[in-house]
Protein backbone atom coordinates (compact mmCIF):
# COMPACT_ATOMS: atom_id res chain seq x y z
CA UNK A 1 148.25 42.73 21.11
CA UNK A 2 150.44 45.57 19.86
CA UNK A 3 152.50 44.93 16.71
CA UNK A 4 155.29 47.25 15.57
CA UNK A 5 156.93 47.22 12.16
CA UNK A 6 159.67 49.46 10.74
CA UNK A 7 159.85 49.99 6.98
CA UNK A 8 162.47 52.49 5.85
CA UNK A 9 161.62 55.81 7.51
CA UNK A 10 158.20 54.55 8.56
CA UNK A 11 157.30 53.14 11.97
CA UNK A 12 153.94 51.37 11.89
CA UNK A 13 151.85 50.13 14.80
CA UNK A 14 148.92 47.73 14.71
CA UNK A 15 147.03 48.52 17.88
CA UNK A 16 145.00 51.09 19.78
CA UNK A 17 146.02 54.71 19.15
CA UNK A 18 145.28 55.59 22.77
CA UNK A 19 147.99 53.17 23.86
CA UNK A 20 150.58 53.98 21.20
CA UNK A 21 150.27 57.77 21.40
CA UNK A 22 151.41 57.74 25.01
CA UNK A 23 154.81 56.50 23.79
CA UNK A 24 155.32 59.22 21.15
CA UNK A 25 157.04 62.61 21.48
CA UNK A 26 158.59 65.31 19.27
CA UNK A 27 156.27 64.73 16.31
CA UNK A 28 156.34 67.55 13.72
CA UNK A 29 152.84 67.27 12.23
CA UNK A 30 149.68 65.18 12.24
CA UNK A 31 147.85 64.55 8.95
CA UNK A 32 144.96 62.13 9.31
CA UNK A 33 141.63 60.90 7.98
CA UNK A 34 139.78 59.66 11.08
CA UNK A 35 136.30 58.15 11.43
CA UNK A 36 133.57 60.63 10.47
CA UNK A 37 130.89 59.28 12.80
CA UNK A 38 128.58 58.32 9.94
CA UNK A 39 128.54 54.52 10.42
CA UNK A 40 129.76 54.39 6.83
CA UNK A 41 128.84 51.10 5.16
CA UNK A 42 127.88 49.86 8.61
CA UNK A 43 131.52 49.78 9.68
CA UNK A 44 131.91 49.67 13.45
CA UNK A 45 135.03 51.85 13.34
CA UNK A 46 133.00 54.75 11.94
CA UNK A 47 130.39 54.90 14.69
CA UNK A 48 131.70 58.18 16.12
CA UNK A 49 134.36 60.85 15.66
CA UNK A 50 137.50 60.77 17.87
CA UNK A 51 136.94 62.31 21.28
CA UNK A 52 138.84 64.93 23.27
CA UNK A 53 140.86 62.33 25.19
CA UNK A 54 142.50 60.97 22.05
CA UNK A 55 143.28 64.42 20.66
CA UNK A 56 144.86 65.31 24.01
CA UNK A 57 147.30 62.44 23.46
CA UNK A 58 148.00 63.64 19.91
CA UNK A 59 148.52 67.12 21.37
CA UNK A 60 151.05 65.80 23.89
CA UNK A 61 152.99 63.91 21.19
CA UNK A 62 153.49 67.03 19.03
CA UNK A 63 156.11 69.76 19.28
CA UNK A 64 154.97 73.26 20.16
CA UNK A 65 153.71 74.93 16.98
CA UNK A 66 153.00 71.65 15.16
CA UNK A 67 150.03 71.59 12.83
CA UNK A 68 147.18 69.10 12.72
CA UNK A 69 145.19 68.49 9.52
CA UNK A 70 142.17 66.24 9.91
CA UNK A 71 139.43 65.36 7.41
CA UNK A 72 135.81 65.13 8.52
CA UNK A 73 132.44 64.63 6.88
CA UNK A 74 130.33 67.62 5.92
CA UNK A 75 127.58 66.54 8.35
CA UNK A 76 129.89 65.84 11.28
CA UNK A 77 132.63 68.46 10.89
CA UNK A 78 131.38 70.33 13.97
CA UNK A 79 131.51 67.16 16.08
CA UNK A 80 135.03 66.46 14.84
CA UNK A 81 136.49 69.95 15.24
CA UNK A 82 135.18 70.80 18.71
CA UNK A 83 137.04 67.95 20.54
CA UNK A 84 140.24 69.06 18.79
CA UNK A 85 139.79 72.59 20.09
CA UNK A 86 138.82 71.33 23.54
CA UNK A 87 142.02 69.27 23.62
CA UNK A 88 144.06 72.48 23.50
CA UNK A 89 144.61 73.07 19.78
CA UNK A 90 144.10 76.46 18.17
CA UNK A 91 141.84 76.22 15.13
CA UNK A 92 143.65 78.06 12.34
CA UNK A 93 141.50 77.45 9.27
CA UNK A 94 139.14 75.13 7.45
CA UNK A 95 140.43 73.66 4.18
CA UNK A 96 137.98 72.34 1.61
CA UNK A 97 138.52 69.46 -0.80
CA UNK A 98 136.07 69.53 -3.71
CA UNK A 99 135.48 66.50 -5.91
CA UNK A 100 133.16 65.46 -8.71
CA UNK A 101 132.90 61.74 -8.04
CA UNK A 102 130.46 61.74 -5.15
CA UNK A 103 127.33 59.63 -5.56
CA UNK A 104 123.93 61.02 -4.43
CA UNK A 105 122.46 58.99 -1.59
CA UNK A 106 119.06 60.65 -1.71
CA UNK A 107 115.85 58.75 -1.01
CA UNK A 108 113.34 59.14 -3.86
CA UNK A 109 110.26 60.31 -1.99
CA UNK A 110 107.99 60.29 -5.03
CA UNK A 111 108.82 56.67 -5.76
CA UNK A 112 108.28 55.72 -2.11
CA UNK A 113 104.90 57.47 -2.04
CA UNK A 114 103.81 55.68 -5.22
CA UNK A 115 104.78 52.38 -3.67
CA UNK A 116 102.73 53.13 -0.56
CA UNK A 117 99.70 54.19 -2.61
CA UNK A 118 100.03 51.49 -5.27
CA UNK A 119 100.47 54.01 -8.08
CA UNK A 120 101.82 52.99 -11.47
CA UNK A 121 105.05 54.66 -12.63
CA UNK A 122 105.92 55.41 -16.25
CA UNK A 123 109.21 54.10 -17.68
CA UNK A 124 110.93 57.12 -19.25
CA UNK A 125 114.44 55.83 -20.00
CA UNK A 126 117.32 53.53 -19.26
CA UNK A 127 119.49 54.19 -16.24
CA UNK A 128 123.13 54.65 -17.42
CA UNK A 129 124.41 54.10 -13.88
CA UNK A 130 122.70 50.78 -13.32
CA UNK A 131 124.80 47.82 -12.23
CA UNK A 132 123.84 44.26 -11.50
CA UNK A 133 123.86 42.83 -8.01
CA UNK A 134 126.67 40.48 -9.05
CA UNK A 135 128.83 43.36 -10.32
CA UNK A 136 127.93 45.38 -7.26
CA UNK A 137 129.40 42.71 -4.98
CA UNK A 138 132.78 43.08 -6.69
CA UNK A 139 133.04 46.82 -6.07
CA UNK A 140 134.71 48.49 -3.10
CA UNK A 141 131.90 50.90 -2.26
CA UNK A 142 128.65 49.46 -0.99
CA UNK A 143 126.61 52.33 -2.37
CA UNK A 144 125.05 53.18 -5.69
CA UNK A 145 122.26 51.70 -7.77
CA UNK A 146 121.31 48.03 -7.61
CA UNK A 147 119.50 46.50 -10.59
CA UNK A 148 117.67 49.78 -11.35
CA UNK A 149 117.97 49.33 -15.11
CA UNK A 150 115.25 51.85 -15.97
CA UNK A 151 114.25 55.36 -14.95
CA UNK A 152 110.61 55.81 -13.97
CA UNK A 153 108.43 58.81 -13.30
CA UNK A 154 105.29 59.20 -11.22
CA UNK A 155 102.56 61.85 -11.04
CA UNK A 156 102.24 62.50 -7.32
CA UNK A 157 102.93 65.93 -5.84
CA UNK A 158 106.10 64.48 -4.27
CA UNK A 159 107.70 63.44 -7.56
CA UNK A 160 111.15 65.02 -7.81
CA UNK A 161 111.58 65.34 -4.04
CA UNK A 162 114.45 63.66 -2.20
CA UNK A 163 116.34 63.69 1.08
CA UNK A 164 119.99 64.57 0.40
CA UNK A 165 122.31 66.54 -1.86
CA UNK A 166 125.10 65.07 -3.97
CA UNK A 167 128.28 64.93 -1.83
CA UNK A 168 131.00 67.06 -3.46
CA UNK A 169 133.28 68.25 -0.68
CA UNK A 170 135.07 67.20 2.49
CA UNK A 171 136.22 69.78 5.06
CA UNK A 172 139.65 69.57 6.68
CA UNK A 173 140.31 71.24 10.01
CA UNK A 174 143.67 73.00 10.28
CA UNK A 175 144.76 73.35 13.89
CA UNK A 176 148.03 74.19 15.62
CA UNK A 177 149.52 73.43 19.01
CA UNK A 178 150.00 76.79 20.77
CA UNK A 179 153.43 78.14 21.65
CA UNK A 180 154.85 81.10 23.54
CA UNK A 181 156.61 83.96 21.81
CA UNK A 182 156.87 84.65 18.08
CA UNK A 183 156.52 82.23 15.18
CA UNK A 184 160.10 83.05 14.15
CA UNK A 185 161.47 82.06 17.55
CA UNK A 186 159.43 78.86 17.60
CA UNK A 187 160.59 77.92 14.09
CA UNK A 188 164.20 78.39 15.14
CA UNK A 189 163.71 76.32 18.31
CA UNK A 190 161.38 73.54 17.13
CA UNK A 191 161.16 73.86 13.34
CA UNK A 192 157.37 74.14 13.59
CA UNK A 193 154.76 76.88 13.58
CA UNK A 194 154.69 77.91 9.93
CA UNK A 195 153.30 76.46 6.73
CA UNK A 196 155.31 75.83 3.57
CA UNK A 197 153.88 78.46 1.22
CA UNK A 198 156.38 78.41 -1.65
CA UNK A 199 156.47 74.63 -2.11
CA UNK A 200 152.68 74.49 -2.11
CA UNK A 201 152.05 77.25 -4.63
CA UNK A 202 149.51 76.52 -7.33
CA UNK A 203 151.01 76.03 -10.79
CA UNK A 204 154.62 76.57 -11.77
CA UNK A 205 154.29 77.79 -15.36
CA UNK A 206 155.80 81.22 -15.99
CA UNK A 207 153.07 83.84 -15.52
CA UNK A 208 153.43 87.52 -16.27
CA UNK A 209 152.00 90.13 -13.96
CA UNK A 210 150.81 93.53 -15.10
CA UNK A 211 152.58 96.86 -14.87
CA UNK A 212 151.95 99.24 -12.01
CA UNK A 213 150.15 101.80 -14.19
CA UNK A 214 147.06 99.59 -14.11
CA UNK A 215 146.57 100.70 -10.53
CA UNK A 216 145.57 104.16 -11.65
CA UNK A 217 147.50 107.36 -10.96
CA UNK A 218 150.69 105.27 -10.86
CA UNK A 219 150.56 104.55 -7.13
CA UNK A 220 152.34 101.50 -5.73
CA UNK A 221 151.61 99.60 -2.54
CA UNK A 222 153.60 102.12 -0.52
CA UNK A 223 152.13 105.14 -2.28
CA UNK A 224 155.30 105.94 -4.25
CA UNK A 225 155.75 106.33 -7.99
CA UNK A 226 155.94 103.07 -9.92
CA UNK A 227 157.88 102.00 -12.98
CA UNK A 228 155.01 102.06 -15.50
CA UNK A 229 156.86 100.15 -18.19
CA UNK A 230 158.00 97.19 -16.09
CA UNK A 231 156.36 93.80 -16.60
CA UNK A 232 157.58 91.00 -14.35
CA UNK A 233 157.35 87.24 -14.45
CA UNK A 234 156.40 84.87 -11.66
CA UNK A 235 157.93 81.40 -11.70
CA UNK A 236 156.53 80.33 -8.32
CA UNK A 237 152.84 80.01 -9.01
CA UNK A 238 149.87 81.32 -7.08
CA UNK A 239 149.62 81.59 -3.30
CA UNK A 240 148.04 78.38 -1.94
CA UNK A 241 144.39 78.68 -1.00
CA UNK A 242 142.24 76.86 1.53
CA UNK A 243 140.33 75.16 -1.29
CA UNK A 244 141.54 72.21 -3.36
CA UNK A 245 139.74 70.13 -5.97
CA UNK A 246 140.11 66.98 -8.04
CA UNK A 247 140.36 68.73 -11.39
CA UNK A 248 137.17 67.15 -12.73
CA UNK A 249 135.02 69.02 -15.26
CA UNK A 250 132.10 68.83 -12.86
CA UNK A 251 133.97 70.74 -10.18
CA UNK A 252 135.50 73.28 -12.53
CA UNK A 253 132.08 74.11 -13.93
CA UNK A 254 131.09 75.32 -10.45
CA UNK A 255 133.44 78.29 -10.78
CA UNK A 256 132.32 81.22 -12.95
CA UNK A 257 134.66 82.52 -15.64
CA UNK A 258 136.44 85.67 -14.55
CA UNK A 259 138.23 88.47 -16.37
CA UNK A 260 141.90 89.28 -16.19
CA UNK A 261 143.22 89.41 -12.64
CA UNK A 262 144.74 92.66 -11.46
CA UNK A 263 146.07 91.73 -8.06
CA UNK A 264 144.76 91.87 -4.52
CA UNK A 265 143.62 95.41 -3.89
CA UNK A 266 142.45 95.77 -0.32
CA UNK A 267 141.58 99.49 -0.28
CA UNK A 268 139.35 100.60 -3.11
CA UNK A 269 138.99 104.21 -1.99
CA UNK A 270 142.66 104.96 -1.38
CA UNK A 271 145.81 105.14 -3.44
CA UNK A 272 147.56 102.37 -1.53
CA UNK A 273 147.54 98.60 -1.43
CA UNK A 274 148.48 96.18 1.31
CA UNK A 275 152.15 95.94 2.22
CA UNK A 276 154.25 93.33 0.44
CA UNK A 277 153.88 92.07 -3.10
CA UNK A 278 155.98 92.26 -6.22
CA UNK A 279 158.93 94.59 -6.90
CA UNK A 280 160.90 95.46 -10.02
CA UNK A 281 164.67 95.20 -10.37
CA UNK A 282 165.07 98.65 -8.87
CA UNK A 283 163.08 97.74 -5.77
CA UNK A 284 159.92 99.60 -6.81
CA UNK A 285 156.79 97.73 -5.82
CA UNK A 286 154.42 96.92 -8.67
CA UNK A 287 150.96 95.55 -9.32
CA UNK A 288 150.86 91.82 -8.35
CA UNK A 289 148.13 90.95 -10.86
CA UNK A 290 148.92 88.07 -13.22
CA UNK A 291 146.81 89.39 -16.08
CA UNK A 292 145.44 85.94 -16.94
CA UNK A 293 141.83 84.89 -17.22
CA UNK A 294 139.67 81.80 -16.97
CA UNK A 295 137.63 80.19 -14.21
CA UNK A 296 138.49 80.63 -10.55
CA UNK A 297 139.41 76.93 -10.54
CA UNK A 298 142.83 77.84 -11.94
CA UNK A 299 143.78 79.20 -8.54
CA UNK A 300 143.57 75.92 -6.70
CA UNK A 301 145.67 72.79 -6.35
CA UNK A 302 144.12 69.95 -8.34
CA UNK A 303 144.84 66.37 -7.23
CA UNK A 304 143.24 63.52 -9.14
CA UNK A 305 142.61 60.06 -7.76
CA UNK A 306 142.96 56.91 -9.85
CA UNK A 307 142.39 53.18 -9.48
CA UNK A 308 146.15 52.66 -9.73
CA UNK A 309 146.60 54.98 -6.76
CA UNK A 310 144.95 52.42 -4.48
CA UNK A 311 147.67 49.86 -5.22
CA UNK A 312 147.02 46.13 -5.56
CA UNK A 313 144.72 44.53 -2.99
CA UNK A 314 143.58 47.77 -1.31
CA UNK A 315 139.88 47.41 -0.46
CA UNK A 316 139.65 50.25 2.08
CA UNK A 317 136.45 52.23 1.34
CA UNK A 318 137.73 55.76 2.08
CA UNK A 319 141.10 56.02 0.34
CA UNK A 320 142.36 59.58 -0.29
CA UNK A 321 144.44 60.45 -3.37
CA UNK A 322 148.18 60.21 -2.77
CA UNK A 323 148.83 63.56 -4.48
CA UNK A 324 146.36 65.26 -2.16
CA UNK A 325 148.01 63.72 0.91
CA UNK A 326 151.49 64.63 -0.37
CA UNK A 327 150.35 68.22 -0.72
CA UNK A 328 148.93 68.32 2.81
CA UNK A 329 152.02 66.69 4.36
CA UNK A 330 154.26 69.13 2.51
CA UNK A 331 152.15 72.09 3.60
CA UNK A 332 152.57 71.59 7.36
CA UNK A 333 155.72 69.49 7.88
CA UNK A 334 159.27 70.88 8.14
CA UNK A 335 162.02 69.38 5.98
CA UNK A 336 162.94 65.90 7.22
CA UNK A 337 160.18 66.06 9.85
CA UNK A 338 157.95 63.32 11.27
CA UNK A 339 154.33 62.98 10.12
CA UNK A 340 151.88 61.22 12.44
CA UNK A 341 148.65 59.47 11.42
CA UNK A 342 146.79 57.86 14.35
CA UNK A 343 144.10 56.54 11.96
CA UNK A 344 146.33 55.09 9.27
CA UNK A 345 143.77 52.96 7.42
CA UNK A 346 145.37 51.64 4.24
CA UNK A 347 148.35 53.97 4.58
CA UNK A 348 147.66 56.85 2.17
CA UNK A 349 149.22 59.43 4.50
CA UNK A 350 152.23 57.19 5.08
CA UNK A 351 152.74 56.57 1.39
CA UNK A 352 152.55 60.31 0.74
CA UNK A 353 154.89 61.22 3.61
CA UNK A 354 157.57 58.77 2.45
CA UNK A 355 157.38 59.99 -1.15
CA UNK A 356 157.83 63.55 0.14
CA UNK A 357 160.96 62.55 2.05
CA UNK A 358 159.47 62.70 5.56
CA UNK A 359 159.58 60.19 8.39
CA UNK A 360 156.24 58.62 9.24
CA UNK A 361 154.53 57.14 12.29
CA UNK A 362 151.23 55.38 11.62
CA UNK A 363 148.76 53.58 13.86
CA UNK A 364 145.97 51.26 12.68
CA UNK A 365 143.69 49.06 14.78
CA UNK A 366 142.39 46.76 12.03
CA UNK A 367 144.96 43.99 11.21
CA UNK A 368 143.77 43.64 7.61
CA UNK A 369 144.10 47.34 6.83
CA UNK A 370 147.42 47.36 8.68
CA UNK A 371 148.83 44.75 6.30
CA UNK A 372 147.59 46.71 3.29
CA UNK A 373 149.23 49.86 4.69
CA UNK A 374 152.51 48.02 5.24
CA UNK A 375 152.53 46.81 1.64
CA UNK A 376 151.72 50.23 0.20
CA UNK A 377 154.31 52.02 2.34
CA UNK A 378 156.96 49.41 1.54
CA UNK A 379 156.31 50.05 -2.15
CA UNK A 380 156.61 53.81 -1.54
CA UNK A 381 159.95 53.28 0.25
CA UNK A 382 161.21 51.27 -2.75
CA UNK A 383 160.05 53.96 -5.18
CA UNK A 384 161.68 56.69 -3.11
CA UNK A 385 164.98 54.78 -2.97
CA UNK A 386 164.93 54.38 -6.78
CA UNK A 387 164.35 58.11 -7.05
CA UNK A 388 167.31 58.88 -4.79
CA UNK A 389 169.69 56.43 -6.43
């Protein structure tokens, strides 16, 4: 039975996406976190990725030029992306969300071998990640260590071997519904086709960029003489990248420390740079380098998840951070546009879309998750109204 509920600018359906999508038209973007096909926690809804037929219905509901952003698992990204392409979408990019909170789900081969052979294992320490079975039952995620209070070590040749790496990223496919003619014409006609660069720039602190003389022989991007003494300031932040991370120390340590940036030179053996870039007050183009230093992590948007972000009563096992979803909605949705999520879950996309000032259409098959989504989105509507008034 199909249930429909309207909360502020959100229209929410409890039912099958295949049925609901046939009723939808003129949607501006689709931002979603569908099943990954991993049978996560034994959940029946995660037995496979969405197939071509469903994405065809999403495709039909969108305006020409609308973007689709869809998460997938690292092991099943290929299975998730191919049906999207087969449904008619043009694959534009792959975004990457890096995080430091993933838990290794590797099988300890050495320990298993010792068990098979009856070998004794030496206790070498206490496990800081151990949790009791009783505490484990109260947690949302049905993964992690159970009653392994100590760390042991064996002597077989397979000690130290395992079966999986620590999960630390999730890929996001960026696709777009094709259109005829230029992007500019499509934007004017439908409001879709582009991505919101300036409102998704990374960091807003004032950053100075270096003078043109650092290019050598005073050549600008167009090959003309530059104003060597001019130093500009950027108040917009860095150009958004196709990598995002959670800001954790673990992730930031992945990136090596770099020296001062000097801009994006694309031709090392010539006196010119790519067209575009910074200009001084007289219109002379200058070096776009910011002159700052640090790790490469400073270039990327850094959302952080929290327990509070889940909201009260949310027991969905795959909740995405609201700030991350706000960023993604803002990246691909025109002002005042409609964001679609055919796999709404506990409503993270809807909550984010409402807080960003968009309209939202969400579909969820599970009645329990639907009610959680309704509550979270209703709270977001209330918060947005307080912000406006």
